[in-house]
């Protein structure tokens, strides 16, 4: 398991992309809309990990609600796992609150599932596995 990416919720994705291109001194290498999560994403490579900027495509999306409640900022930390189904089963046994019954299709050709922040000292955890 390693940190695959850090997700950052932003109000204006276009402005945030410009900011992070300057900050990280690199271009955004991928943009993708994730319809199931009503999110528009932009990715940056940072060594072995990535930064994912998340903008809302609808006012009722999870990202829009997050920004309304907490403002812009870190939304989640994502960990790459070899077997997301086995990892979800293990975490349930350990008493963690898994927010997805089954993994869903996420950005960057990944299967994703989330672990509730109340179990992780306030940090939303995303598990992700590359889809073949």
N, C-alpha and C. Protein backbone atom coordinates (compact mmCIF):
# COMPACT_ATOMS: atom_id res chain seq x y z
N UNK A 1 0.86 -1.17 0.00
CA UNK A 1 0.00 0.00 0.00
C UNK A 1 0.90 1.23 0.00
N UNK A 2 0.56 2.19 -0.84
CA UNK A 2 1.30 3.44 -0.86
C UNK A 2 0.33 4.58 -1.19
N UNK A 3 0.76 5.82 -0.92
CA UNK A 3 -0.09 6.97 -1.24
C UNK A 3 -0.11 7.11 -2.75
N UNK A 4 -1.29 6.95 -3.32
CA UNK A 4 -1.47 7.06 -4.77
C UNK A 4 -1.68 8.52 -5.15
N UNK A 5 -2.54 9.20 -4.36
CA UNK A 5 -2.74 10.63 -4.59
C UNK A 5 -3.38 11.30 -3.38
N UNK A 6 -3.32 12.60 -3.40
CA UNK A 6 -4.02 13.43 -2.42
C UNK A 6 -5.07 14.21 -3.19
N UNK A 7 -6.32 14.15 -2.74
CA UNK A 7 -7.41 14.84 -3.40
C UNK A 7 -7.69 16.18 -2.73
N UNK A 8 -7.79 17.23 -3.53
CA UNK A 8 -8.02 18.58 -3.02
C UNK A 8 -9.29 19.13 -3.66
N UNK A 9 -10.26 19.50 -2.83
CA UNK A 9 -11.52 20.07 -3.31
C UNK A 9 -11.31 21.56 -3.61
N UNK A 10 -11.77 21.99 -4.78
CA UNK A 10 -11.61 23.38 -5.19
C UNK A 10 -12.91 23.93 -5.75
N UNK A 11 -13.13 25.23 -5.57
CA UNK A 11 -14.33 25.88 -6.09
C UNK A 11 -14.25 26.08 -7.60
N UNK A 12 -13.10 26.52 -8.08
CA UNK A 12 -12.93 26.82 -9.49
C UNK A 12 -11.76 25.99 -10.02
N UNK A 13 -12.07 24.93 -10.74
CA UNK A 13 -11.03 24.01 -11.20
C UNK A 13 -10.06 24.69 -12.15
N UNK A 14 -10.54 25.54 -13.03
CA UNK A 14 -9.65 26.20 -14.00
C UNK A 14 -8.61 27.05 -13.28
N UNK A 15 -9.04 27.83 -12.29
CA UNK A 15 -8.11 28.66 -11.52
C UNK A 15 -7.15 27.79 -10.72
N UNK A 16 -7.67 26.71 -10.13
CA UNK A 16 -6.83 25.83 -9.33
C UNK A 16 -5.77 25.14 -10.18
N UNK A 17 -6.12 24.74 -11.41
CA UNK A 17 -5.14 24.12 -12.30
C UNK A 17 -3.99 25.09 -12.55
N UNK A 18 -4.31 26.35 -12.83
CA UNK A 18 -3.26 27.35 -13.07
C UNK A 18 -2.37 27.51 -11.83
N UNK A 19 -2.99 27.56 -10.66
CA UNK A 19 -2.23 27.70 -9.41
C UNK A 19 -1.29 26.52 -9.21
N UNK A 20 -1.80 25.30 -9.37
CA UNK A 20 -0.98 24.11 -9.11
C UNK A 20 0.07 23.88 -10.20
N UNK A 21 -0.19 24.35 -11.42
CA UNK A 21 0.86 24.28 -12.45
C UNK A 21 2.05 25.14 -12.04
N UNK A 22 1.77 26.31 -11.48
CA UNK A 22 2.85 27.18 -11.00
C UNK A 22 3.51 26.58 -9.76
N UNK A 23 2.69 26.15 -8.81
CA UNK A 23 3.21 25.62 -7.54
C UNK A 23 4.10 24.41 -7.76
N UNK A 24 3.62 23.45 -8.57
CA UNK A 24 4.35 22.20 -8.77
C UNK A 24 5.34 22.26 -9.93
N UNK A 25 5.31 23.38 -10.67
CA UNK A 25 6.20 23.58 -11.81
C UNK A 25 6.06 22.44 -12.84
N UNK A 26 4.82 22.06 -13.08
CA UNK A 26 4.53 21.03 -14.06
C UNK A 26 3.11 21.24 -14.59
N UNK A 27 2.85 20.70 -15.74
CA UNK A 27 1.52 20.83 -16.35
C UNK A 27 0.59 19.73 -15.83
N UNK A 28 -0.68 20.05 -15.80
CA UNK A 28 -1.71 19.05 -15.53
C UNK A 28 -1.62 18.03 -16.66
N UNK A 29 -1.52 16.74 -16.31
CA UNK A 29 -1.35 15.75 -17.36
C UNK A 29 -2.65 15.05 -17.75
N UNK A 30 -3.71 15.25 -16.96
CA UNK A 30 -4.95 14.56 -17.28
C UNK A 30 -6.13 15.30 -16.67
N UNK A 31 -7.21 15.42 -17.46
CA UNK A 31 -8.49 15.95 -16.98
C UNK A 31 -9.53 14.88 -17.25
N UNK A 32 -10.47 14.75 -16.31
CA UNK A 32 -11.51 13.73 -16.48
C UNK A 32 -12.73 14.10 -15.66
N UNK A 33 -13.90 13.93 -16.25
CA UNK A 33 -15.16 14.09 -15.53
C UNK A 33 -15.59 12.70 -15.05
N UNK A 34 -15.92 12.60 -13.77
CA UNK A 34 -16.41 11.35 -13.20
C UNK A 34 -17.91 11.56 -12.95
N UNK A 35 -18.71 11.11 -13.89
CA UNK A 35 -20.15 11.34 -13.85
C UNK A 35 -20.79 10.78 -12.58
N UNK A 36 -20.36 9.59 -12.15
CA UNK A 36 -20.97 8.95 -10.98
C UNK A 36 -20.78 9.76 -9.70
N UNK A 37 -19.72 10.58 -9.66
CA UNK A 37 -19.47 11.38 -8.47
C UNK A 37 -19.72 12.87 -8.71
N UNK A 38 -20.19 13.19 -9.92
CA UNK A 38 -20.47 14.57 -10.30
C UNK A 38 -19.25 15.46 -10.02
N UNK A 39 -18.10 14.97 -10.48
CA UNK A 39 -16.84 15.67 -10.22
C UNK A 39 -16.04 15.81 -11.51
N UNK A 40 -15.36 16.95 -11.61
CA UNK A 40 -14.40 17.21 -12.67
C UNK A 40 -13.03 17.16 -12.02
N UNK A 41 -12.12 16.39 -12.59
CA UNK A 41 -10.82 16.19 -11.95
C UNK A 41 -9.67 16.65 -12.84
N UNK A 42 -8.58 17.00 -12.19
CA UNK A 42 -7.33 17.36 -12.87
C UNK A 42 -6.20 16.73 -12.08
N UNK A 43 -5.26 16.09 -12.78
CA UNK A 43 -4.18 15.36 -12.11
C UNK A 43 -2.81 15.96 -12.41
N UNK A 44 -1.95 15.90 -11.39
CA UNK A 44 -0.56 16.32 -11.48
C UNK A 44 0.32 15.22 -10.91
N UNK A 45 1.42 14.93 -11.58
CA UNK A 45 2.40 13.97 -11.05
C UNK A 45 3.32 14.70 -10.07
N UNK A 46 3.58 14.05 -8.95
CA UNK A 46 4.51 14.59 -7.96
C UNK A 46 5.37 13.44 -7.46
N UNK A 47 6.41 13.12 -8.20
CA UNK A 47 7.24 11.97 -7.85
C UNK A 47 6.47 10.69 -8.04
N UNK A 48 6.43 9.86 -7.00
CA UNK A 48 5.73 8.58 -7.06
C UNK A 48 4.22 8.73 -6.86
N UNK A 49 3.77 9.88 -6.41
CA UNK A 49 2.35 10.11 -6.11
C UNK A 49 1.78 11.17 -7.05
N UNK A 50 0.51 11.48 -6.83
CA UNK A 50 -0.18 12.48 -7.64
C UNK A 50 -0.99 13.41 -6.75
N UNK A 51 -1.34 14.54 -7.31
CA UNK A 51 -2.31 15.45 -6.71
C UNK A 51 -3.51 15.46 -7.64
N UNK A 52 -4.70 15.28 -7.06
CA UNK A 52 -5.94 15.31 -7.81
C UNK A 52 -6.75 16.51 -7.34
N UNK A 53 -7.03 17.43 -8.24
CA UNK A 53 -7.92 18.55 -7.94
C UNK A 53 -9.33 18.11 -8.29
N UNK A 54 -10.28 18.42 -7.40
CA UNK A 54 -11.67 17.99 -7.57
C UNK A 54 -12.59 19.20 -7.60
N UNK A 55 -13.30 19.37 -8.70
CA UNK A 55 -14.30 20.41 -8.80
C UNK A 55 -15.67 19.76 -8.98
N UNK A 56 -16.69 20.42 -8.49
CA UNK A 56 -18.06 19.90 -8.60
C UNK A 56 -18.63 20.22 -9.98
N UNK A 57 -19.37 19.26 -10.54
CA UNK A 57 -20.08 19.53 -11.80
C UNK A 57 -21.55 19.84 -11.54
N UNK A 58 -22.02 19.56 -10.33
CA UNK A 58 -23.41 19.81 -9.95
C UNK A 58 -23.43 20.35 -8.52
N UNK A 59 -24.39 21.23 -8.20
CA UNK A 59 -24.45 21.80 -6.85
C UNK A 59 -24.81 20.79 -5.76
N UNK A 60 -25.34 19.62 -6.14
CA UNK A 60 -25.70 18.61 -5.13
C UNK A 60 -24.65 17.50 -5.01
N UNK A 61 -23.49 17.71 -5.61
CA UNK A 61 -22.44 16.68 -5.57
C UNK A 61 -21.76 16.66 -4.20
N UNK A 62 -21.08 15.56 -3.94
CA UNK A 62 -20.33 15.41 -2.68
C UNK A 62 -19.28 16.51 -2.56
N UNK A 63 -18.61 16.84 -3.64
CA UNK A 63 -17.57 17.87 -3.60
C UNK A 63 -18.18 19.24 -3.30
N UNK A 64 -19.29 19.58 -3.95
CA UNK A 64 -19.95 20.86 -3.68
C UNK A 64 -20.38 20.96 -2.22
N UNK A 65 -20.94 19.89 -1.69
CA UNK A 65 -21.37 19.87 -0.29
C UNK A 65 -20.18 19.99 0.64
N UNK A 66 -19.09 19.31 0.31
CA UNK A 66 -17.88 19.39 1.12
C UNK A 66 -17.38 20.84 1.18
N UNK A 67 -17.30 21.49 0.03
CA UNK A 67 -16.81 22.88 -0.01
C UNK A 67 -17.76 23.80 0.74
N UNK A 68 -19.07 23.58 0.61
CA UNK A 68 -20.04 24.40 1.35
C UNK A 68 -19.84 24.28 2.85
N UNK A 69 -19.54 23.06 3.32
CA UNK A 69 -19.38 22.82 4.76
C UNK A 69 -18.00 23.16 5.30
N UNK A 70 -16.96 22.85 4.54
CA UNK A 70 -15.59 22.97 5.07
C UNK A 70 -14.70 23.91 4.29
N UNK A 71 -15.16 24.35 3.13
CA UNK A 71 -14.32 25.20 2.30
C UNK A 71 -13.37 24.37 1.45
N UNK A 72 -12.60 25.07 0.65
CA UNK A 72 -11.62 24.39 -0.20
C UNK A 72 -10.53 23.77 0.67
N UNK A 73 -9.92 22.72 0.16
CA UNK A 73 -8.79 22.12 0.87
C UNK A 73 -8.72 20.63 0.66
N UNK A 74 -7.87 20.00 1.48
CA UNK A 74 -7.67 18.57 1.33
C UNK A 74 -8.98 17.83 1.55
N UNK A 75 -9.34 17.00 0.59
CA UNK A 75 -10.57 16.23 0.66
C UNK A 75 -10.30 14.80 1.10
N UNK A 76 -9.23 14.18 0.57
CA UNK A 76 -8.95 12.79 0.93
C UNK A 76 -7.50 12.43 0.63
N UNK A 77 -7.07 11.34 1.23
CA UNK A 77 -5.79 10.70 0.89
C UNK A 77 -6.14 9.34 0.30
N UNK A 78 -5.58 9.04 -0.87
CA UNK A 78 -5.87 7.78 -1.55
C UNK A 78 -4.67 6.85 -1.47
N UNK A 79 -4.96 5.61 -1.12
CA UNK A 79 -3.93 4.58 -1.05
C UNK A 79 -4.21 3.54 -2.12
N UNK A 80 -3.19 3.22 -2.91
CA UNK A 80 -3.28 2.16 -3.91
C UNK A 80 -3.15 0.82 -3.20
N UNK A 81 -4.04 -0.10 -3.53
CA UNK A 81 -4.00 -1.46 -2.96
C UNK A 81 -4.00 -2.46 -4.10
N UNK A 82 -3.49 -3.66 -3.82
CA UNK A 82 -3.44 -4.71 -4.84
C UNK A 82 -4.80 -5.36 -5.06
N UNK A 83 -5.57 -5.52 -3.97
CA UNK A 83 -6.87 -6.21 -4.04
C UNK A 83 -7.86 -5.42 -3.19
N UNK A 84 -8.61 -4.54 -3.82
CA UNK A 84 -9.51 -3.65 -3.10
C UNK A 84 -10.60 -4.42 -2.35
N UNK A 85 -11.08 -5.51 -2.92
CA UNK A 85 -12.12 -6.30 -2.26
C UNK A 85 -11.60 -6.92 -0.97
N UNK A 86 -10.41 -7.48 -1.02
CA UNK A 86 -9.81 -8.08 0.18
C UNK A 86 -9.51 -7.01 1.23
N UNK A 87 -9.05 -5.86 0.78
CA UNK A 87 -8.72 -4.78 1.72
C UNK A 87 -9.97 -4.24 2.40
N UNK A 88 -11.07 -4.10 1.65
CA UNK A 88 -12.33 -3.66 2.25
C UNK A 88 -12.82 -4.67 3.28
N UNK A 89 -12.72 -5.93 2.96
CA UNK A 89 -13.12 -6.99 3.89
C UNK A 89 -12.28 -6.92 5.17
N UNK A 90 -10.97 -6.75 5.02
CA UNK A 90 -10.08 -6.66 6.17
C UNK A 90 -10.42 -5.45 7.04
N UNK A 91 -10.65 -4.31 6.40
CA UNK A 91 -10.95 -3.09 7.16
C UNK A 91 -12.30 -3.19 7.88
N UNK A 92 -13.28 -3.81 7.25
CA UNK A 92 -14.56 -4.04 7.94
C UNK A 92 -14.35 -4.90 9.19
N UNK A 93 -13.55 -5.96 9.06
CA UNK A 93 -13.24 -6.82 10.23
C UNK A 93 -12.54 -6.02 11.33
N UNK A 94 -11.74 -5.05 10.93
CA UNK A 94 -11.01 -4.22 11.90
C UNK A 94 -11.92 -3.15 12.53
N UNK A 95 -13.16 -3.03 12.04
CA UNK A 95 -14.11 -2.09 12.63
C UNK A 95 -14.22 -0.75 11.94
N UNK A 96 -13.60 -0.59 10.78
CA UNK A 96 -13.70 0.66 10.05
C UNK A 96 -15.05 0.76 9.34
N UNK A 97 -15.54 1.98 9.19
CA UNK A 97 -16.79 2.23 8.50
C UNK A 97 -16.50 2.45 7.01
N UNK A 98 -16.86 1.46 6.20
CA UNK A 98 -16.66 1.54 4.76
C UNK A 98 -17.90 2.20 4.16
N UNK A 99 -17.68 3.23 3.37
CA UNK A 99 -18.79 4.01 2.83
C UNK A 99 -19.38 3.42 1.55
N UNK A 100 -18.69 2.46 0.94
CA UNK A 100 -19.18 1.83 -0.28
C UNK A 100 -19.34 0.34 -0.05
N UNK A 101 -20.50 -0.21 -0.36
CA UNK A 101 -20.69 -1.66 -0.26
C UNK A 101 -19.76 -2.37 -1.24
N UNK A 102 -19.65 -1.82 -2.43
CA UNK A 102 -18.78 -2.34 -3.47
C UNK A 102 -17.96 -1.19 -4.04
N UNK A 103 -16.76 -1.46 -4.52
CA UNK A 103 -15.98 -0.39 -5.17
C UNK A 103 -16.72 0.15 -6.39
N UNK A 104 -16.51 1.42 -6.68
CA UNK A 104 -17.11 2.06 -7.85
C UNK A 104 -16.00 2.48 -8.81
N UNK A 105 -16.41 2.87 -10.00
CA UNK A 105 -15.45 3.34 -10.99
C UNK A 105 -15.12 4.79 -10.68
N UNK A 106 -13.83 5.06 -10.48
CA UNK A 106 -13.36 6.41 -10.20
C UNK A 106 -12.53 6.95 -11.34
N UNK A 107 -11.92 8.08 -11.10
CA UNK A 107 -11.07 8.70 -12.09
C UNK A 107 -9.79 7.90 -12.29
N UNK A 108 -9.13 8.16 -13.38
CA UNK A 108 -7.80 7.61 -13.67
C UNK A 108 -7.83 6.08 -13.81
N UNK A 109 -8.95 5.55 -14.30
CA UNK A 109 -9.12 4.10 -14.53
C UNK A 109 -8.92 3.29 -13.25
N UNK A 110 -9.53 3.74 -12.16
CA UNK A 110 -9.39 3.07 -10.87
C UNK A 110 -10.74 2.58 -10.37
N UNK A 111 -10.70 1.49 -9.59
CA UNK A 111 -11.81 1.12 -8.72
C UNK A 111 -11.55 1.83 -7.42
N UNK A 112 -12.59 2.42 -6.81
CA UNK A 112 -12.39 3.19 -5.59
C UNK A 112 -13.45 2.86 -4.54
N UNK A 113 -13.06 3.04 -3.29
CA UNK A 113 -13.98 2.92 -2.16
C UNK A 113 -13.44 3.82 -1.06
N UNK A 114 -14.34 4.29 -0.20
CA UNK A 114 -13.95 5.26 0.82
C UNK A 114 -14.19 4.74 2.23
N UNK A 115 -13.33 5.17 3.14
CA UNK A 115 -13.42 4.84 4.56
C UNK A 115 -13.77 6.13 5.30
N UNK A 116 -14.78 6.07 6.16
CA UNK A 116 -15.31 7.25 6.83
C UNK A 116 -14.23 7.97 7.65
N UNK A 117 -14.20 9.30 7.57
CA UNK A 117 -13.17 10.06 8.30
C UNK A 117 -13.27 9.94 9.83
N UNK A 118 -14.43 9.61 10.36
CA UNK A 118 -14.56 9.49 11.82
C UNK A 118 -13.66 8.39 12.37
N UNK A 119 -13.33 7.42 11.53
CA UNK A 119 -12.48 6.31 11.95
C UNK A 119 -11.00 6.59 11.73
N UNK A 120 -10.68 7.71 11.10
CA UNK A 120 -9.31 8.01 10.69
C UNK A 120 -8.85 9.39 11.16
N UNK A 121 -9.31 9.77 12.34
CA UNK A 121 -8.90 11.05 12.94
C UNK A 121 -9.21 12.22 12.01
N UNK A 122 -10.38 12.16 11.37
CA UNK A 122 -10.86 13.27 10.56
C UNK A 122 -10.45 13.26 9.11
N UNK A 123 -9.76 12.21 8.65
CA UNK A 123 -9.30 12.17 7.26
C UNK A 123 -10.09 11.12 6.48
N UNK A 124 -10.71 11.55 5.38
CA UNK A 124 -11.38 10.63 4.47
C UNK A 124 -10.30 9.84 3.74
N UNK A 125 -10.41 8.52 3.76
CA UNK A 125 -9.45 7.65 3.08
C UNK A 125 -10.10 7.03 1.86
N UNK A 126 -9.43 7.10 0.74
CA UNK A 126 -9.86 6.43 -0.48
C UNK A 126 -8.91 5.26 -0.73
N UNK A 127 -9.49 4.11 -0.97
CA UNK A 127 -8.71 2.97 -1.45
C UNK A 127 -8.91 2.91 -2.95
N UNK A 128 -7.85 2.65 -3.69
CA UNK A 128 -8.00 2.55 -5.13
C UNK A 128 -7.16 1.40 -5.68
N UNK A 129 -7.67 0.85 -6.74
CA UNK A 129 -6.98 -0.26 -7.42
C UNK A 129 -7.07 -0.01 -8.92
N UNK A 130 -5.97 -0.14 -9.60
CA UNK A 130 -5.96 0.03 -11.05
C UNK A 130 -6.82 -1.04 -11.70
N UNK A 131 -7.60 -0.60 -12.68
CA UNK A 131 -8.43 -1.55 -13.44
C UNK A 131 -7.63 -2.02 -14.63
N UNK A 132 -7.70 -3.31 -14.90
CA UNK A 132 -6.94 -3.87 -16.04
C UNK A 132 -7.62 -3.58 -17.33
